[in-house]
């Protein structure tokens, strides 16, 4: 979700980099096919089979979060 501080491309680049460097190896084998929603400023994330549920959980933690979402183990979320 873009914000005034980041362009869509910046959110995507930061989100993908954080996922690949810090999260992917921890979650990919047990959560393939589920959605991951990542707060690019804190590195916190939520995983759920429903992307809306993961997003709501992330927003509940930090309503002003800048979020990046992906489907674990896939090149595209949808």
N, C-alpha and C. Protein backbone atom coordinates (compact mmCIF):
# COMPACT_ATOMS: atom_id res chain seq x y z
N UNK A 1 0.85 -1.16 0.00
CA UNK A 1 0.00 0.00 0.00
C UNK A 1 0.90 1.23 0.00
N UNK A 2 0.88 2.07 -1.05
CA UNK A 2 1.75 3.23 -1.14
C UNK A 2 1.42 4.28 -0.08
N UNK A 3 2.38 5.09 0.22
CA UNK A 3 2.17 6.16 1.19
C UNK A 3 2.81 7.43 0.65
N UNK A 4 2.66 8.51 1.39
CA UNK A 4 3.27 9.77 0.98
C UNK A 4 4.79 9.69 1.04
N UNK A 5 5.30 8.82 1.90
CA UNK A 5 6.76 8.70 2.06
C UNK A 5 7.41 7.83 1.01
N UNK A 6 6.65 6.92 0.41
CA UNK A 6 7.22 5.95 -0.53
C UNK A 6 6.36 5.85 -1.79
N UNK A 7 7.02 5.67 -2.91
CA UNK A 7 6.29 5.39 -4.15
C UNK A 7 5.94 3.90 -4.16
N UNK A 8 5.06 3.50 -5.07
CA UNK A 8 4.72 2.08 -5.22
C UNK A 8 5.96 1.25 -5.49
N UNK A 9 6.83 1.76 -6.35
CA UNK A 9 8.06 1.03 -6.68
C UNK A 9 8.98 0.88 -5.48
N UNK A 10 9.07 1.92 -4.67
CA UNK A 10 9.90 1.84 -3.46
C UNK A 10 9.34 0.83 -2.47
N UNK A 11 8.02 0.83 -2.28
CA UNK A 11 7.39 -0.13 -1.37
C UNK A 11 7.68 -1.54 -1.86
N UNK A 12 7.51 -1.78 -3.16
CA UNK A 12 7.74 -3.10 -3.72
C UNK A 12 9.20 -3.52 -3.58
N UNK A 13 10.12 -2.63 -3.88
CA UNK A 13 11.54 -2.96 -3.80
C UNK A 13 11.96 -3.24 -2.36
N UNK A 14 11.55 -2.38 -1.45
CA UNK A 14 11.90 -2.58 -0.03
C UNK A 14 11.25 -3.85 0.52
N UNK A 15 9.99 -4.04 0.22
CA UNK A 15 9.29 -5.22 0.70
C UNK A 15 9.91 -6.50 0.21
N UNK A 16 10.20 -6.57 -1.08
CA UNK A 16 10.80 -7.77 -1.64
C UNK A 16 12.18 -8.03 -1.06
N UNK A 17 12.97 -6.98 -0.89
CA UNK A 17 14.31 -7.13 -0.33
C UNK A 17 14.25 -7.65 1.11
N UNK A 18 13.38 -7.07 1.92
CA UNK A 18 13.24 -7.53 3.31
C UNK A 18 12.79 -8.97 3.34
N UNK A 19 11.81 -9.30 2.51
CA UNK A 19 11.31 -10.68 2.47
C UNK A 19 12.43 -11.66 2.11
N UNK A 20 13.15 -11.36 1.04
CA UNK A 20 14.19 -12.28 0.57
C UNK A 20 15.35 -12.40 1.56
N UNK A 21 15.73 -11.31 2.20
CA UNK A 21 16.90 -11.31 3.07
C UNK A 21 16.61 -11.78 4.49
N UNK A 22 15.40 -11.54 4.99
CA UNK A 22 15.14 -11.78 6.41
C UNK A 22 14.03 -12.78 6.72
N UNK A 23 13.12 -13.03 5.78
CA UNK A 23 11.92 -13.79 6.12
C UNK A 23 11.76 -15.08 5.33
N UNK A 24 12.09 -15.06 4.06
CA UNK A 24 11.78 -16.15 3.15
C UNK A 24 12.18 -17.53 3.67
N UNK A 25 13.40 -17.67 4.12
CA UNK A 25 13.86 -18.99 4.58
C UNK A 25 13.14 -19.46 5.83
N UNK A 26 12.62 -18.54 6.61
CA UNK A 26 11.90 -18.90 7.84
C UNK A 26 10.50 -19.43 7.55
N UNK A 27 9.87 -18.96 6.47
CA UNK A 27 8.44 -19.23 6.29
C UNK A 27 8.07 -20.07 5.07
N UNK A 28 8.94 -20.11 4.07
CA UNK A 28 8.51 -20.68 2.79
C UNK A 28 8.12 -22.15 2.86
N UNK A 29 8.84 -22.97 3.57
CA UNK A 29 8.53 -24.40 3.56
C UNK A 29 7.20 -24.73 4.25
N UNK A 30 6.87 -24.05 5.32
CA UNK A 30 5.64 -24.38 6.05
C UNK A 30 4.44 -23.52 5.67
N UNK A 31 4.64 -22.44 4.90
CA UNK A 31 3.53 -21.53 4.61
C UNK A 31 3.31 -21.29 3.12
N UNK A 32 3.84 -22.14 2.25
CA UNK A 32 3.70 -21.93 0.81
C UNK A 32 2.22 -21.83 0.43
N UNK A 33 1.92 -20.81 -0.37
CA UNK A 33 0.56 -20.57 -0.83
C UNK A 33 -0.22 -19.61 0.04
N UNK A 34 0.26 -19.34 1.24
CA UNK A 34 -0.42 -18.38 2.11
C UNK A 34 0.07 -16.97 1.78
N UNK A 35 -0.64 -15.98 2.29
CA UNK A 35 -0.29 -14.59 2.05
C UNK A 35 0.51 -14.03 3.21
N UNK A 36 1.51 -13.24 2.87
CA UNK A 36 2.33 -12.56 3.86
C UNK A 36 2.16 -11.07 3.64
N UNK A 37 1.86 -10.35 4.69
CA UNK A 37 1.75 -8.89 4.64
C UNK A 37 2.82 -8.33 5.57
N UNK A 38 3.70 -7.52 5.01
CA UNK A 38 4.90 -7.04 5.69
C UNK A 38 4.86 -5.53 5.87
N UNK A 39 5.14 -5.09 7.08
CA UNK A 39 5.31 -3.67 7.37
C UNK A 39 6.76 -3.33 7.00
N UNK A 40 6.96 -2.56 5.94
CA UNK A 40 8.32 -2.33 5.46
C UNK A 40 9.16 -1.45 6.38
N UNK A 41 8.51 -0.77 7.31
CA UNK A 41 9.27 0.09 8.22
C UNK A 41 9.70 -0.63 9.49
N UNK A 42 8.96 -1.62 9.92
CA UNK A 42 9.33 -2.34 11.15
C UNK A 42 9.85 -3.75 10.90
N UNK A 43 9.51 -4.32 9.74
CA UNK A 43 9.89 -5.69 9.44
C UNK A 43 8.93 -6.72 10.01
N UNK A 44 7.90 -6.26 10.72
CA UNK A 44 6.90 -7.19 11.27
C UNK A 44 5.99 -7.65 10.14
N UNK A 45 5.49 -8.87 10.28
CA UNK A 45 4.63 -9.40 9.23
C UNK A 45 3.56 -10.31 9.81
N UNK A 46 2.55 -10.53 8.98
CA UNK A 46 1.45 -11.44 9.31
C UNK A 46 1.30 -12.42 8.15
N UNK A 47 0.96 -13.65 8.48
CA UNK A 47 0.73 -14.69 7.48
C UNK A 47 -0.65 -15.29 7.71
N UNK A 48 -1.39 -15.46 6.61
CA UNK A 48 -2.71 -16.10 6.71
C UNK A 48 -3.10 -16.57 5.32
N UNK A 49 -4.00 -17.53 5.26
CA UNK A 49 -4.48 -18.02 3.96
C UNK A 49 -5.36 -17.00 3.25
N UNK A 50 -5.87 -16.04 3.98
CA UNK A 50 -6.70 -14.96 3.43
C UNK A 50 -5.91 -13.66 3.54
N UNK A 51 -5.62 -13.03 2.40
CA UNK A 51 -4.81 -11.81 2.42
C UNK A 51 -5.46 -10.68 3.21
N UNK A 52 -6.78 -10.61 3.20
CA UNK A 52 -7.47 -9.56 3.94
C UNK A 52 -7.30 -9.73 5.45
N UNK A 53 -7.33 -10.95 5.91
CA UNK A 53 -7.11 -11.22 7.34
C UNK A 53 -5.69 -10.81 7.73
N UNK A 54 -4.71 -11.18 6.92
CA UNK A 54 -3.32 -10.80 7.21
C UNK A 54 -3.16 -9.28 7.23
N UNK A 55 -3.81 -8.61 6.29
CA UNK A 55 -3.73 -7.15 6.23
C UNK A 55 -4.38 -6.51 7.45
N UNK A 56 -5.54 -6.98 7.84
CA UNK A 56 -6.22 -6.43 9.02
C UNK A 56 -5.39 -6.63 10.28
N UNK A 57 -4.75 -7.78 10.40
CA UNK A 57 -3.88 -8.03 11.57
C UNK A 57 -2.71 -7.05 11.60
N UNK A 58 -2.09 -6.84 10.44
CA UNK A 58 -0.96 -5.91 10.35
C UNK A 58 -1.41 -4.49 10.68
N UNK A 59 -2.57 -4.09 10.16
CA UNK A 59 -3.08 -2.74 10.43
C UNK A 59 -3.50 -2.57 11.89
N UNK A 60 -3.94 -3.63 12.53
CA UNK A 60 -4.30 -3.55 13.94
C UNK A 60 -3.07 -3.27 14.79
N UNK A 61 -1.94 -3.80 14.39
CA UNK A 61 -0.69 -3.56 15.12
C UNK A 61 -0.21 -2.12 14.96
N UNK A 62 -0.34 -1.61 13.71
CA UNK A 62 0.18 -0.28 13.40
C UNK A 62 -0.65 0.31 12.27
N UNK A 63 -1.67 1.10 12.61
CA UNK A 63 -2.60 1.62 11.61
C UNK A 63 -1.96 2.45 10.49
N UNK A 64 -0.82 3.06 10.76
CA UNK A 64 -0.16 3.86 9.73
C UNK A 64 0.94 3.10 9.00
N UNK A 65 0.94 1.80 9.10
CA UNK A 65 1.97 0.96 8.49
C UNK A 65 1.98 1.10 6.97
N UNK A 66 3.16 0.98 6.41
CA UNK A 66 3.33 0.91 4.96
C UNK A 66 3.51 -0.57 4.65
N UNK A 67 2.53 -1.15 3.97
CA UNK A 67 2.48 -2.60 3.82
C UNK A 67 2.84 -3.07 2.42
N UNK A 68 3.48 -4.23 2.39
CA UNK A 68 3.81 -4.93 1.15
C UNK A 68 3.27 -6.35 1.30
N UNK A 69 2.56 -6.82 0.30
CA UNK A 69 1.99 -8.15 0.38
C UNK A 69 2.48 -9.06 -0.72
N UNK A 70 2.53 -10.35 -0.42
CA UNK A 70 2.92 -11.34 -1.41
C UNK A 70 2.32 -12.69 -1.05
N UNK A 71 2.34 -13.58 -2.02
CA UNK A 71 1.90 -14.96 -1.78
C UNK A 71 3.15 -15.80 -1.68
N UNK A 72 3.34 -16.44 -0.58
CA UNK A 72 4.56 -17.19 -0.29
C UNK A 72 4.76 -18.31 -1.30
N UNK A 73 5.93 -18.32 -1.93
CA UNK A 73 6.28 -19.36 -2.87
C UNK A 73 5.82 -19.13 -4.29
N UNK A 74 5.21 -17.98 -4.58
CA UNK A 74 4.71 -17.66 -5.91
C UNK A 74 5.25 -16.33 -6.38
N UNK A 75 5.38 -16.17 -7.69
CA UNK A 75 5.86 -14.91 -8.26
C UNK A 75 4.81 -13.82 -8.20
N UNK A 76 3.54 -14.18 -8.24
CA UNK A 76 2.45 -13.20 -8.19
C UNK A 76 1.49 -13.59 -7.07
N UNK A 77 0.89 -12.60 -6.45
CA UNK A 77 -0.04 -12.86 -5.35
C UNK A 77 -1.35 -13.44 -5.84
N UNK A 78 -1.79 -13.04 -7.05
CA UNK A 78 -3.09 -13.47 -7.56
C UNK A 78 -2.96 -14.04 -8.94
